[in-house]
């Protein structure tokens, strides 16, 4: 592919995710520095995903809260997160939203970085529709 594309040679894994209705608020973020993560909706349900800019890839780095944005997804197309993007599990607008997720197979073993926003930054994020 040379100069036109980069192809990952990592083994990938598909998973099924059913998100359940809950308050539009959270105090945890996660990120994956070694690879992307894709959320592909099933069934067309609306949902909301909250993300923050990847920023510094150093372990222990805190997210820049000024970059945090919530996006409403209409269930007609998927989302692929850039490596290092801070995110949390999508919130269904209705009772539930189903997704196929695509991640590196080893993500749980070597690339799952969580941060407790309340403990580390005295912050809880609330989303208003």
C-alpha atoms as a PDB file:
ATOM      1  CA  UNK A   1       0.000   0.000   0.000  1.00  0.00           C
ATOM      2  CA  UNK A   2       3.036   2.205   0.307  1.00  0.00           C
ATOM      3  CA  UNK A   3       2.226   5.870   0.768  1.00  0.00           C
ATOM      4  CA  UNK A   4      -1.549   5.644   0.323  1.00  0.00           C
ATOM      5  CA  UNK A   5      -2.667   3.573   3.326  1.00  0.00           C
ATOM      6  CA  UNK A   6      -1.636   1.816   6.489  1.00  0.00           C
ATOM      7  CA  UNK A   7      -3.024  -1.644   7.102  1.00  0.00           C
ATOM      8  CA  UNK A   8      -3.130  -3.035  10.632  1.00  0.00           C
ATOM      9  CA  UNK A   9      -1.801  -6.552  10.958  1.00  0.00           C
ATOM     10  CA  UNK A  10      -3.251  -6.976  14.461  1.00  0.00           C
ATOM     11  CA  UNK A  11      -5.797  -9.726  14.977  1.00  0.00           C
ATOM     12  CA  UNK A  12      -9.217  -8.124  15.424  1.00  0.00           C
ATOM     13  CA  UNK A  13     -12.248  -9.278  17.374  1.00  0.00           C
ATOM     14  CA  UNK A  14     -15.965  -8.662  16.871  1.00  0.00           C
ATOM     15  CA  UNK A  15     -18.220  -8.369  19.875  1.00  0.00           C
ATOM     16  CA  UNK A  16     -21.885  -7.732  20.592  1.00  0.00           C
ATOM     17  CA  UNK A  17     -22.802  -4.821  22.859  1.00  0.00           C
ATOM     18  CA  UNK A  18     -26.311  -4.068  24.149  1.00  0.00           C
ATOM     19  CA  UNK A  19     -26.404  -0.737  25.949  1.00  0.00           C
ATOM     20  CA  UNK A  20     -29.220  -0.270  28.443  1.00  0.00           C
ATOM     21  CA  UNK A  21     -31.134   2.887  29.323  1.00  0.00           C
ATOM     22  CA  UNK A  22     -29.489   4.796  32.148  1.00  0.00           C
ATOM     23  CA  UNK A  23     -28.899   8.355  33.282  1.00  0.00           C
ATOM     24  CA  UNK A  24     -27.006  10.442  30.724  1.00  0.00           C
ATOM     25  CA  UNK A  25     -24.071  10.893  33.090  1.00  0.00           C
ATOM     26  CA  UNK A  26     -20.798   9.120  33.768  1.00  0.00           C
ATOM     27  CA  UNK A  27     -17.605   9.404  35.795  1.00  0.00           C
ATOM     28  CA  UNK A  28     -15.360   6.933  33.965  1.00  0.00           C
ATOM     29  CA  UNK A  29     -13.490   7.217  30.661  1.00  0.00           C
ATOM     30  CA  UNK A  30     -11.473   4.612  28.798  1.00  0.00           C
ATOM     31  CA  UNK A  31      -9.105   4.625  25.842  1.00  0.00           C
ATOM     32  CA  UNK A  32      -7.098   2.232  23.679  1.00  0.00           C
ATOM     33  CA  UNK A  33      -3.688   3.547  22.614  1.00  0.00           C
ATOM     34  CA  UNK A  34      -2.672   0.683  20.304  1.00  0.00           C
ATOM     35  CA  UNK A  35      -5.704   0.538  18.039  1.00  0.00           C
ATOM     36  CA  UNK A  36      -9.054   1.879  17.004  1.00  0.00           C
ATOM     37  CA  UNK A  37     -12.475   0.810  18.236  1.00  0.00           C
ATOM     38  CA  UNK A  38     -15.544   0.698  16.026  1.00  0.00           C
ATOM     39  CA  UNK A  39     -19.216   0.772  17.048  1.00  0.00           C
ATOM     40  CA  UNK A  40     -21.593  -0.420  14.296  1.00  0.00           C
ATOM     41  CA  UNK A  41     -25.283  -0.071  15.230  1.00  0.00           C
ATOM     42  CA  UNK A  42     -27.795  -2.863  14.774  1.00  0.00           C
ATOM     43  CA  UNK A  43     -31.512  -2.173  14.539  1.00  0.00           C
ATOM     44  CA  UNK A  44     -31.302   1.589  13.950  1.00  0.00           C
ATOM     45  CA  UNK A  45     -31.785   2.769  17.545  1.00  0.00           C
ATOM     46  CA  UNK A  46     -30.668   6.303  18.420  1.00  0.00           C
ATOM     47  CA  UNK A  47     -27.841   6.633  20.905  1.00  0.00           C
ATOM     48  CA  UNK A  48     -25.344   9.160  22.256  1.00  0.00           C
ATOM     49  CA  UNK A  49     -21.585   8.663  22.485  1.00  0.00           C
ATOM     50  CA  UNK A  50     -19.305  10.934  24.460  1.00  0.00           C
ATOM     51  CA  UNK A  51     -15.662  11.288  23.414  1.00  0.00           C
ATOM     52  CA  UNK A  52     -12.606  13.355  24.247  1.00  0.00           C
ATOM     53  CA  UNK A  53      -9.535  14.162  22.167  1.00  0.00           C
ATOM     54  CA  UNK A  54      -6.766  11.551  22.274  1.00  0.00           C
ATOM     55  CA  UNK A  55      -4.014  13.996  23.290  1.00  0.00           C
ATOM     56  CA  UNK A  56      -0.859  12.746  25.019  1.00  0.00           C
ATOM     57  CA  UNK A  57      -0.415   8.969  24.753  1.00  0.00           C
ATOM     58  CA  UNK A  58       1.564   8.677  28.000  1.00  0.00           C
ATOM     59  CA  UNK A  59       0.076   6.308  30.537  1.00  0.00           C
ATOM     60  CA  UNK A  60      -1.492   8.170  33.427  1.00  0.00           C
ATOM     61  CA  UNK A  61      -2.265  11.215  31.287  1.00  0.00           C
ATOM     62  CA  UNK A  62      -5.580  12.839  32.177  1.00  0.00           C
ATOM     63  CA  UNK A  63      -8.147  13.696  29.494  1.00  0.00           C
ATOM     64  CA  UNK A  64      -8.552  17.333  28.447  1.00  0.00           C
ATOM     65  CA  UNK A  65     -12.141  17.967  29.551  1.00  0.00           C
ATOM     66  CA  UNK A  66     -12.380  21.021  27.274  1.00  0.00           C
ATOM     67  CA  UNK A  67     -12.319  18.611  24.291  1.00  0.00           C
ATOM     68  CA  UNK A  68     -15.151  16.356  25.511  1.00  0.00           C
ATOM     69  CA  UNK A  69     -18.117  16.282  23.125  1.00  0.00           C
ATOM     70  CA  UNK A  70     -21.322  14.239  22.947  1.00  0.00           C
ATOM     71  CA  UNK A  71     -22.633  13.096  19.568  1.00  0.00           C
ATOM     72  CA  UNK A  72     -26.108  11.818  18.856  1.00  0.00           C
ATOM     73  CA  UNK A  73     -26.021   8.765  16.588  1.00  0.00           C
ATOM     74  CA  UNK A  74     -29.139   8.030  14.535  1.00  0.00           C
ATOM     75  CA  UNK A  75     -28.427   4.304  14.215  1.00  0.00           C
ATOM     76  CA  UNK A  76     -27.799   4.432  10.464  1.00  0.00           C
ATOM     77  CA  UNK A  77     -23.979   4.427  10.464  1.00  0.00           C
ATOM     78  CA  UNK A  78     -21.073   3.324  12.588  1.00  0.00           C
ATOM     79  CA  UNK A  79     -18.373   5.249  14.408  1.00  0.00           C
ATOM     80  CA  UNK A  80     -14.652   4.471  14.419  1.00  0.00           C
ATOM     81  CA  UNK A  81     -12.590   6.012  17.228  1.00  0.00           C
ATOM     82  CA  UNK A  82      -9.016   7.139  16.595  1.00  0.00           C
ATOM     83  CA  UNK A  83      -6.423   5.361  18.803  1.00  0.00           C
ATOM     84  CA  UNK A  84      -6.260   7.049  22.194  1.00  0.00           C
ATOM     85  CA  UNK A  85      -9.707   8.685  21.985  1.00  0.00           C
ATOM     86  CA  UNK A  86     -11.270   8.923  25.427  1.00  0.00           C
ATOM     87  CA  UNK A  87     -14.789   7.447  25.419  1.00  0.00           C
ATOM     88  CA  UNK A  88     -17.459   5.700  27.402  1.00  0.00           C
ATOM     89  CA  UNK A  89     -20.108   3.155  26.482  1.00  0.00           C
ATOM     90  CA  UNK A  90     -22.789   4.720  24.248  1.00  0.00           C
ATOM     91  CA  UNK A  91     -26.061   5.725  25.877  1.00  0.00           C
ATOM     92  CA  UNK A  92     -29.289   4.567  24.198  1.00  0.00           C
ATOM     93  CA  UNK A  93     -31.892   7.293  23.705  1.00  0.00           C
ATOM     94  CA  UNK A  94     -34.641   4.676  24.082  1.00  0.00           C
ATOM     95  CA  UNK A  95     -34.615   1.525  26.209  1.00  0.00           C
ATOM     96  CA  UNK A  96     -31.594  -0.093  24.512  1.00  0.00           C
ATOM     97  CA  UNK A  97     -29.230   0.142  21.564  1.00  0.00           C
ATOM     98  CA  UNK A  98     -27.334  -2.757  20.045  1.00  0.00           C
ATOM     99  CA  UNK A  99     -23.894  -2.591  18.451  1.00  0.00           C
ATOM    100  CA  UNK A 100     -21.281  -4.807  16.881  1.00  0.00           C
ATOM    101  CA  UNK A 101     -17.927  -3.625  18.187  1.00  0.00           C
ATOM    102  CA  UNK A 102     -14.576  -4.177  16.511  1.00  0.00           C
ATOM    103  CA  UNK A 103     -11.374  -4.016  18.591  1.00  0.00           C
ATOM    104  CA  UNK A 104      -7.917  -5.566  18.675  1.00  0.00           C
ATOM    105  CA  UNK A 105      -8.124  -9.086  20.051  1.00  0.00           C
ATOM    106  CA  UNK A 106      -5.551  -8.289  22.767  1.00  0.00           C
ATOM    107  CA  UNK A 107      -7.217  -5.039  23.879  1.00  0.00           C
ATOM    108  CA  UNK A 108      -8.234  -6.401  27.302  1.00  0.00           C
ATOM    109  CA  UNK A 109      -4.745  -7.798  27.941  1.00  0.00           C
ATOM    110  CA  UNK A 110      -2.570  -4.864  26.882  1.00  0.00           C
ATOM    111  CA  UNK A 111      -4.551  -1.778  25.896  1.00  0.00           C
ATOM    112  CA  UNK A 112      -7.494  -1.051  28.189  1.00  0.00           C
ATOM    113  CA  UNK A 113      -6.872   2.190  30.073  1.00  0.00           C
ATOM    114  CA  UNK A 114      -9.568   3.422  32.476  1.00  0.00           C
ATOM    115  CA  UNK A 115      -9.726   6.630  34.467  1.00  0.00           C
ATOM    116  CA  UNK A 116     -12.099   7.424  37.332  1.00  0.00           C
ATOM    117  CA  UNK A 117     -12.933  11.063  36.602  1.00  0.00           C
ATOM    118  CA  UNK A 118     -14.456  11.649  40.044  1.00  0.00           C
ATOM    119  CA  UNK A 119     -11.442  10.313  41.924  1.00  0.00           C
ATOM    120  CA  UNK A 120      -8.748  11.848  39.699  1.00  0.00           C
ATOM    121  CA  UNK A 121     -10.377  15.081  38.513  1.00  0.00           C
ATOM    122  CA  UNK A 122     -13.361  15.633  40.841  1.00  0.00           C
ATOM    123  CA  UNK A 123     -15.584  15.522  37.744  1.00  0.00           C
ATOM    124  CA  UNK A 124     -18.774  13.828  36.615  1.00  0.00           C
ATOM    125  CA  UNK A 125     -19.940  14.421  33.038  1.00  0.00           C
ATOM    126  CA  UNK A 126     -23.653  14.965  32.362  1.00  0.00           C
ATOM    127  CA  UNK A 127     -25.150  14.993  28.879  1.00  0.00           C
ATOM    128  CA  UNK A 128     -28.143  17.121  27.970  1.00  0.00           C
ATOM    129  CA  UNK A 129     -30.147  16.199  24.867  1.00  0.00           C
END
